[in-house]
Amino acid sequence: MRHVDCARCGVEVLAEKNSWQHTSVQWNTAHPETVCHEYRDDPSLTVRGARVGRCSALRESIATAAVDGRVPVSE
């Protein structure tokens, strides 16, 4: 897993791409709603298991990191 910072809020997560379609994310905080605007605006996103890929800004930051080669994509 590689460190990725969200381009919008700056939260740091660990991300891994097992393919271009599959992304694993490990949050470094138990309460993403304290830093992430999308989680703060939509409390349903904090339901356990719902965090992966739900924040569009974080999803885009991880995709950019994969394209740039900072997060390798296994295939």
PDB file of N, CA and C in Angstrom:
ATOM      1  N   MET A   1       0.849  -1.176   0.000  1.00  0.00           N
ATOM      2  CA  MET A   1       0.000   0.000   0.000  1.00  0.00           C
ATOM      3  C   MET A   1       0.895   1.239   0.000  1.00  0.00           C
ATOM      4  N   ARG A   2       0.414   2.256  -0.683  1.00  0.00           N
ATOM      5  CA  ARG A   2       1.175   3.500  -0.814  1.00  0.00           C
ATOM      6  C   ARG A   2       0.382   4.671  -0.227  1.00  0.00           C
ATOM      7  N   HIS A   3       1.125   5.634   0.303  1.00  0.00           N
ATOM      8  CA  HIS A   3       0.490   6.836   0.844  1.00  0.00           C
ATOM      9  C   HIS A   3      -0.043   7.701  -0.295  1.00  0.00           C
ATOM     10  N   VAL A   4      -1.274   8.161  -0.129  1.00  0.00           N
ATOM     11  CA  VAL A   4      -1.896   9.091  -1.078  1.00  0.00           C
ATOM     12  C   VAL A   4      -2.583  10.178  -0.265  1.00  0.00           C
ATOM     13  N   ASP A   5      -2.355  11.432  -0.654  1.00  0.00           N
ATOM     14  CA  ASP A   5      -3.033  12.562  -0.018  1.00  0.00           C
ATOM     15  C   ASP A   5      -4.182  13.010  -0.908  1.00  0.00           C
ATOM     16  N   CYS A   6      -5.324  13.271  -0.301  1.00  0.00           N
ATOM     17  CA  CYS A   6      -6.469  13.789  -1.043  1.00  0.00           C
ATOM     18  C   CYS A   6      -6.151  15.211  -1.508  1.00  0.00           C
ATOM     19  N   ALA A   7      -6.365  15.474  -2.773  1.00  0.00           N
ATOM     20  CA  ALA A   7      -6.077  16.793  -3.332  1.00  0.00           C
ATOM     21  C   ALA A   7      -7.013  17.865  -2.774  1.00  0.00           C
ATOM     22  N   ARG A   8      -8.186  17.473  -2.280  1.00  0.00           N
ATOM     23  CA  ARG A   8      -9.139  18.457  -1.760  1.00  0.00           C
ATOM     24  C   ARG A   8      -8.886  18.779  -0.287  1.00  0.00           C
ATOM     25  N   CYS A   9      -8.892  17.758   0.579  1.00  0.00           N
ATOM     26  CA  CYS A   9      -8.831  18.036   2.016  1.00  0.00           C
ATOM     27  C   CYS A   9      -7.485  17.712   2.642  1.00  0.00           C
ATOM     28  N   GLY A  10      -6.644  16.958   1.926  1.00  0.00           N
ATOM     29  CA  GLY A  10      -5.311  16.645   2.432  1.00  0.00           C
ATOM     30  C   GLY A  10      -5.223  15.415   3.307  1.00  0.00           C
ATOM     31  N   VAL A  11      -6.348  14.728   3.543  1.00  0.00           N
ATOM     32  CA  VAL A  11      -6.285  13.520   4.367  1.00  0.00           C
ATOM     33  C   VAL A  11      -5.364  12.508   3.694  1.00  0.00           C
ATOM     34  N   GLU A  12      -4.571  11.822   4.499  1.00  0.00           N
ATOM     35  CA  GLU A  12      -3.659  10.815   3.967  1.00  0.00           C
ATOM     36  C   GLU A  12      -4.246   9.430   4.197  1.00  0.00           C
ATOM     37  N   VAL A  13      -4.257   8.626   3.147  1.00  0.00           N
ATOM     38  CA  VAL A  13      -4.708   7.246   3.243  1.00  0.00           C
ATOM     39  C   VAL A  13      -3.629   6.350   2.655  1.00  0.00           C
ATOM     40  N   LEU A  14      -3.759   5.064   2.894  1.00  0.00           N
ATOM     41  CA  LEU A  14      -2.946   4.062   2.209  1.00  0.00           C
ATOM     42  C   LEU A  14      -3.813   3.467   1.119  1.00  0.00           C
ATOM     43  N   ALA A  15      -3.277   3.390  -0.087  1.00  0.00           N
ATOM     44  CA  ALA A  15      -4.064   2.879  -1.205  1.00  0.00           C
ATOM     45  C   ALA A  15      -3.284   1.821  -1.967  1.00  0.00           C
ATOM     46  N   GLU A  16      -4.036   0.885  -2.541  1.00  0.00           N
ATOM     47  CA  GLU A  16      -3.464  -0.191  -3.342  1.00  0.00           C
ATOM     48  C   GLU A  16      -4.400  -0.448  -4.508  1.00  0.00           C
ATOM     49  N   LYS A  17      -3.835  -0.614  -5.695  1.00  0.00           N
ATOM     50  CA  LYS A  17      -4.626  -0.905  -6.892  1.00  0.00           C
ATOM     51  C   LYS A  17      -4.297  -2.324  -7.331  1.00  0.00           C
ATOM     52  N   ASN A  18      -5.262  -3.237  -7.177  1.00  0.00           N
ATOM     53  CA  ASN A  18      -5.077  -4.610  -7.634  1.00  0.00           C
ATOM     54  C   ASN A  18      -5.401  -4.745  -9.115  1.00  0.00           C
ATOM     55  N   SER A  19      -6.101  -3.758  -9.649  1.00  0.00           N
ATOM     56  CA  SER A  19      -6.380  -3.619 -11.079  1.00  0.00           C
ATOM     57  C   SER A  19      -6.871  -2.189 -11.244  1.00  0.00           C
ATOM     58  N   TRP A  20      -7.125  -1.768 -12.484  1.00  0.00           N
ATOM     59  CA  TRP A  20      -7.636  -0.411 -12.692  1.00  0.00           C
ATOM     60  C   TRP A  20      -9.028  -0.252 -12.099  1.00  0.00           C
ATOM     61  N   GLN A  21      -9.765  -1.351 -11.952  1.00  0.00           N
ATOM     62  CA  GLN A  21     -11.120  -1.296 -11.408  1.00  0.00           C
ATOM     63  C   GLN A  21     -11.166  -1.481  -9.892  1.00  0.00           C
ATOM     64  N   HIS A  22     -10.176  -2.142  -9.321  1.00  0.00           N
ATOM     65  CA  HIS A  22     -10.207  -2.489  -7.895  1.00  0.00           C
ATOM     66  C   HIS A  22      -9.211  -1.653  -7.103  1.00  0.00           C
ATOM     67  N   THR A  23      -9.714  -0.982  -6.076  1.00  0.00           N
ATOM     68  CA  THR A  23      -8.870  -0.157  -5.212  1.00  0.00           C
ATOM     69  C   THR A  23      -9.134  -0.523  -3.758  1.00  0.00           C
ATOM     70  N   SER A  24      -8.063  -0.711  -2.996  1.00  0.00           N
ATOM     71  CA  SER A  24      -8.176  -0.916  -1.549  1.00  0.00           C
ATOM     72  C   SER A  24      -7.665   0.353  -0.874  1.00  0.00           C
ATOM     73  N   VAL A  25      -8.406   0.800   0.138  1.00  0.00           N
ATOM     74  CA  VAL A  25      -8.041   2.022   0.851  1.00  0.00           C
ATOM     75  C   VAL A  25      -8.056   1.746   2.343  1.00  0.00           C
ATOM     76  N   GLN A  26      -7.015   2.185   3.023  1.00  0.00           N
ATOM     77  CA  GLN A  26      -6.962   2.118   4.478  1.00  0.00           C
ATOM     78  C   GLN A  26      -6.857   3.548   4.998  1.00  0.00           C
ATOM     79  N   TRP A  27      -7.883   3.961   5.708  1.00  0.00           N
ATOM     80  CA  TRP A  27      -7.895   5.311   6.286  1.00  0.00           C
ATOM     81  C   TRP A  27      -6.974   5.357   7.489  1.00  0.00           C
ATOM     82  N   ASN A  28      -6.290   6.482   7.674  1.00  0.00           N
ATOM     83  CA  ASN A  28      -5.426   6.669   8.830  1.00  0.00           C
ATOM     84  C   ASN A  28      -6.166   7.370   9.966  1.00  0.00           C
ATOM     85  N   THR A  29      -7.468   7.521   9.821  1.00  0.00           N
ATOM     86  CA  THR A  29      -8.303   8.103  10.859  1.00  0.00           C
ATOM     87  C   THR A  29      -9.573   7.279  10.986  1.00  0.00           C
ATOM     88  N   ALA A  30     -10.050   7.160  12.206  1.00  0.00           N
ATOM     89  CA  ALA A  30     -11.301   6.429  12.429  1.00  0.00           C
ATOM     90  C   ALA A  30     -12.514   7.296  12.123  1.00  0.00           C
ATOM     91  N   HIS A  31     -12.298   8.601  11.960  1.00  0.00           N
ATOM     92  CA  HIS A  31     -13.395   9.536  11.752  1.00  0.00           C
ATOM     93  C   HIS A  31     -13.121  10.446  10.561  1.00  0.00           C
ATOM     94  N   PRO A  32     -13.285   9.935   9.348  1.00  0.00           N
ATOM     95  CA  PRO A  32     -12.988  10.753   8.169  1.00  0.00           C
ATOM     96  C   PRO A  32     -13.848  12.002   8.074  1.00  0.00           C
ATOM     97  N   GLU A  33     -15.007  11.990   8.719  1.00  0.00           N
ATOM     98  CA  GLU A  33     -15.880  13.158   8.650  1.00  0.00           C
ATOM     99  C   GLU A  33     -15.269  14.389   9.317  1.00  0.00           C
ATOM    100  N   THR A  34     -14.214  14.202  10.100  1.00  0.00           N
ATOM    101  CA  THR A  34     -13.563  15.349  10.731  1.00  0.00           C
ATOM    102  C   THR A  34     -12.654  16.099   9.760  1.00  0.00           C
ATOM    103  N   VAL A  35     -12.278  15.473   8.639  1.00  0.00           N
ATOM    104  CA  VAL A  35     -11.398  16.137   7.672  1.00  0.00           C
ATOM    105  C   VAL A  35     -11.965  16.175   6.255  1.00  0.00           C
ATOM    106  N   CYS A  36     -12.792  15.223   5.897  1.00  0.00           N
ATOM    107  CA  CYS A  36     -13.289  15.099   4.520  1.00  0.00           C
ATOM    108  C   CYS A  36     -14.626  15.821   4.359  1.00  0.00           C
ATOM    109  N   HIS A  37     -14.689  16.731   3.408  1.00  0.00           N
ATOM    110  CA  HIS A  37     -15.906  17.504   3.169  1.00  0.00           C
ATOM    111  C   HIS A  37     -17.077  16.612   2.756  1.00  0.00           C
ATOM    112  N   GLU A  38     -16.835  15.631   1.892  1.00  0.00           N
ATOM    113  CA  GLU A  38     -17.926  14.764   1.435  1.00  0.00           C
ATOM    114  C   GLU A  38     -18.473  13.898   2.569  1.00  0.00           C
ATOM    115  N   TYR A  39     -17.602  13.402   3.432  1.00  0.00           N
ATOM    116  CA  TYR A  39     -18.055  12.602   4.569  1.00  0.00           C
ATOM    117  C   TYR A  39     -18.813  13.466   5.565  1.00  0.00           C
ATOM    118  N   ARG A  40     -18.352  14.697   5.758  1.00  0.00           N
ATOM    119  CA  ARG A  40     -19.031  15.606   6.678  1.00  0.00           C
ATOM    120  C   ARG A  40     -20.428  15.963   6.147  1.00  0.00           C
ATOM    121  N   ASP A  41     -20.546  16.143   4.822  1.00  0.00           N
ATOM    122  CA  ASP A  41     -21.823  16.523   4.218  1.00  0.00           C
ATOM    123  C   ASP A  41     -22.809  15.367   4.109  1.00  0.00           C
ATOM    124  N   ASP A  42     -22.312  14.120   4.102  1.00  0.00           N
ATOM    125  CA  ASP A  42     -23.186  12.954   3.958  1.00  0.00           C
ATOM    126  C   ASP A  42     -22.824  11.906   5.015  1.00  0.00           C
ATOM    127  N   PRO A  43     -23.432  11.987   6.196  1.00  0.00           N
ATOM    128  CA  PRO A  43     -23.107  11.064   7.290  1.00  0.00           C
ATOM    129  C   PRO A  43     -23.265   9.580   6.941  1.00  0.00           C
ATOM    130  N   SER A  44     -24.067   9.255   5.940  1.00  0.00           N
ATOM    131  CA  SER A  44     -24.240   7.841   5.581  1.00  0.00           C
ATOM    132  C   SER A  44     -22.939   7.229   5.069  1.00  0.00           C
ATOM    133  N   LEU A  45     -22.003   8.043   4.635  1.00  0.00           N
ATOM    134  CA  LEU A  45     -20.730   7.529   4.135  1.00  0.00           C
ATOM    135  C   LEU A  45     -19.861   6.953   5.243  1.00  0.00           C
ATOM    136  N   THR A  46     -20.146   7.294   6.489  1.00  0.00           N
ATOM    137  CA  THR A  46     -19.323   6.807   7.593  1.00  0.00           C
ATOM    138  C   THR A  46     -19.750   5.427   8.089  1.00  0.00           C
ATOM    139  N   VAL A  47     -20.783   4.846   7.496  1.00  0.00           N
ATOM    140  CA  VAL A  47     -21.200   3.491   7.859  1.00  0.00           C
ATOM    141  C   VAL A  47     -20.044   2.541   7.573  1.00  0.00           C
ATOM    142  N   ARG A  48     -19.743   1.694   8.519  1.00  0.00           N
ATOM    143  CA  ARG A  48     -18.608   0.769   8.367  1.00  0.00           C
ATOM    144  C   ARG A  48     -18.690   0.034   7.039  1.00  0.00           C
ATOM    145  N   GLY A  49     -17.573   0.028   6.325  1.00  0.00           N
ATOM    146  CA  GLY A  49     -17.498  -0.655   5.049  1.00  0.00           C
ATOM    147  C   GLY A  49     -17.878   0.222   3.863  1.00  0.00           C
ATOM    148  N   ALA A  50     -18.400   1.403   4.137  1.00  0.00           N
ATOM    149  CA  ALA A  50     -18.840   2.271   3.045  1.00  0.00           C
ATOM    150  C   ALA A  50     -17.781   3.288   2.643  1.00  0.00           C
ATOM    151  N   ARG A  51     -16.635   3.299   3.302  1.00  0.00           N
ATOM    152  CA  ARG A  51     -15.643   4.351   3.081  1.00  0.00           C
ATOM    153  C   ARG A  51     -14.881   4.222   1.773  1.00  0.00           C
ATOM    154  N   VAL A  52     -14.664   3.031   1.313  1.00  0.00           N
ATOM    155  CA  VAL A  52     -13.812   2.823   0.153  1.00  0.00           C
ATOM    156  C   VAL A  52     -14.447   3.408  -1.099  1.00  0.00           C
ATOM    157  N   GLY A  53     -13.775   4.353  -1.685  1.00  0.00           N
ATOM    158  CA  GLY A  53     -14.196   4.890  -2.967  1.00  0.00           C
ATOM    159  C   GLY A  53     -15.380   5.816  -2.940  1.00  0.00           C
ATOM    160  N   ARG A  54     -15.881   6.187  -1.780  1.00  0.00           N
ATOM    161  CA  ARG A  54     -17.072   7.015  -1.727  1.00  0.00           C
ATOM    162  C   ARG A  54     -16.777   8.502  -1.906  1.00  0.00           C
ATOM    163  N   CYS A  55     -15.622   8.958  -1.517  1.00  0.00           N
ATOM    164  CA  CYS A  55     -15.278  10.366  -1.683  1.00  0.00           C
ATOM    165  C   CYS A  55     -14.718  10.559  -3.091  1.00  0.00           C
ATOM    166  N   SER A  56     -15.402  11.370  -3.878  1.00  0.00           N
ATOM    167  CA  SER A  56     -14.979  11.542  -5.274  1.00  0.00           C
ATOM    168  C   SER A  56     -13.606  12.191  -5.384  1.00  0.00           C
ATOM    169  N   ALA A  57     -13.279  13.118  -4.492  1.00  0.00           N
ATOM    170  CA  ALA A  57     -11.972  13.776  -4.544  1.00  0.00           C
ATOM    171  C   ALA A  57     -10.851  12.797  -4.205  1.00  0.00           C
ATOM    172  N   LEU A  58     -11.081  11.945  -3.207  1.00  0.00           N
ATOM    173  CA  LEU A  58     -10.076  10.947  -2.857  1.00  0.00           C
ATOM    174  C   LEU A  58      -9.943   9.918  -3.966  1.00  0.00           C
ATOM    175  N   ARG A  59     -11.058   9.499  -4.518  1.00  0.00           N
ATOM    176  CA  ARG A  59     -11.028   8.537  -5.618  1.00  0.00           C
ATOM    177  C   ARG A  59     -10.213   9.095  -6.790  1.00  0.00           C
ATOM    178  N   GLU A  60     -10.410  10.367  -7.109  1.00  0.00           N
ATOM    179  CA  GLU A  60      -9.661  11.019  -8.188  1.00  0.00           C
ATOM    180  C   GLU A  60      -8.181  11.158  -7.833  1.00  0.00           C
ATOM    181  N   SER A  61      -7.879  11.447  -6.585  1.00  0.00           N
ATOM    182  CA  SER A  61      -6.482  11.558  -6.148  1.00  0.00           C
ATOM    183  C   SER A  61      -5.760  10.221  -6.285  1.00  0.00           C
ATOM    184  N   ILE A  62      -6.447   9.133  -5.941  1.00  0.00           N
ATOM    185  CA  ILE A  62      -5.856   7.800  -6.072  1.00  0.00           C
ATOM    186  C   ILE A  62      -5.681   7.445  -7.545  1.00  0.00           C
ATOM    187  N   ALA A  63      -6.662   7.767  -8.371  1.00  0.00           N
ATOM    188  CA  ALA A  63      -6.553   7.491  -9.812  1.00  0.00           C
ATOM    189  C   ALA A  63      -5.379   8.261 -10.416  1.00  0.00           C
ATOM    190  N   THR A  64      -5.216   9.510 -10.023  1.00  0.00           N
ATOM    191  CA  THR A  64      -4.097  10.312 -10.521  1.00  0.00           C
ATOM    192  C   THR A  64      -2.775   9.708 -10.083  1.00  0.00           C
ATOM    193  N   ALA A  65      -2.701   9.257  -8.835  1.00  0.00           N
ATOM    194  CA  ALA A  65      -1.486   8.625  -8.329  1.00  0.00           C
ATOM    195  C   ALA A  65      -1.173   7.344  -9.098  1.00  0.00           C
ATOM    196  N   ALA A  66      -2.189   6.606  -9.496  1.00  0.00           N
ATOM    197  CA  ALA A  66      -1.978   5.384 -10.281  1.00  0.00           C
ATOM    198  C   ALA A  66      -1.455   5.728 -11.675  1.00  0.00           C
ATOM    199  N   VAL A  67      -2.066   6.716 -12.307  1.00  0.00           N
ATOM    200  CA  VAL A  67      -1.630   7.131 -13.651  1.00  0.00           C
ATOM    201  C   VAL A  67      -0.201   7.657 -13.616  1.00  0.00           C
ATOM    202  N   ASP A  68       0.131   8.412 -12.559  1.00  0.00           N
ATOM    203  CA  ASP A  68       1.474   8.984 -12.407  1.00  0.00           C
ATOM    204  C   ASP A  68       2.516   7.951 -11.989  1.00  0.00           C
ATOM    205  N   GLY A  69       2.067   6.741 -11.594  1.00  0.00           N
ATOM    206  CA  GLY A  69       2.990   5.707 -11.185  1.00  0.00           C
ATOM    207  C   GLY A  69       3.321   5.702  -9.704  1.00  0.00           C
ATOM    208  N   ARG A  70       2.713   6.578  -8.924  1.00  0.00           N
ATOM    209  CA  ARG A  70       2.967   6.608  -7.475  1.00  0.00           C
ATOM    210  C   ARG A  70       2.283   5.468  -6.757  1.00  0.00           C
ATOM    211  N   VAL A  71       1.191   4.954  -7.342  1.00  0.00           N
ATOM    212  CA  VAL A  71       0.513   3.755  -6.813  1.00  0.00           C
ATOM    213  C   VAL A  71       0.526   2.732  -7.951  1.00  0.00           C
ATOM    214  N   PRO A  72       1.337   1.698  -7.821  1.00  0.00           N
ATOM    215  CA  PRO A  72       1.405   0.686  -8.878  1.00  0.00           C
ATOM    216  C   PRO A  72       0.073  -0.042  -9.053  1.00  0.00           C
ATOM    217  N   VAL A  73      -0.212  -0.432 -10.277  1.00  0.00           N
ATOM    218  CA  VAL A  73      -1.422  -1.179 -10.571  1.00  0.00           C
ATOM    219  C   VAL A  73      -1.021  -2.611 -10.932  1.00  0.00           C
ATOM    220  N   SER A  74      -1.452  -3.565 -10.101  1.00  0.00           N
ATOM    221  CA  SER A  74      -1.182  -4.975 -10.363  1.00  0.00           C
ATOM    222  C   SER A  74      -2.175  -5.461 -11.412  1.00  0.00           C
ATOM    223  N   GLU A  75      -1.678  -6.268 -12.331  1.00  0.00           N
ATOM    224  CA  GLU A  75      -2.611  -6.812 -13.341  1.00  0.00           C
ATOM    225  C   GLU A  75      -2.271  -8.245 -13.640  1.00  0.00           C
TER     226      GLU A  75
END
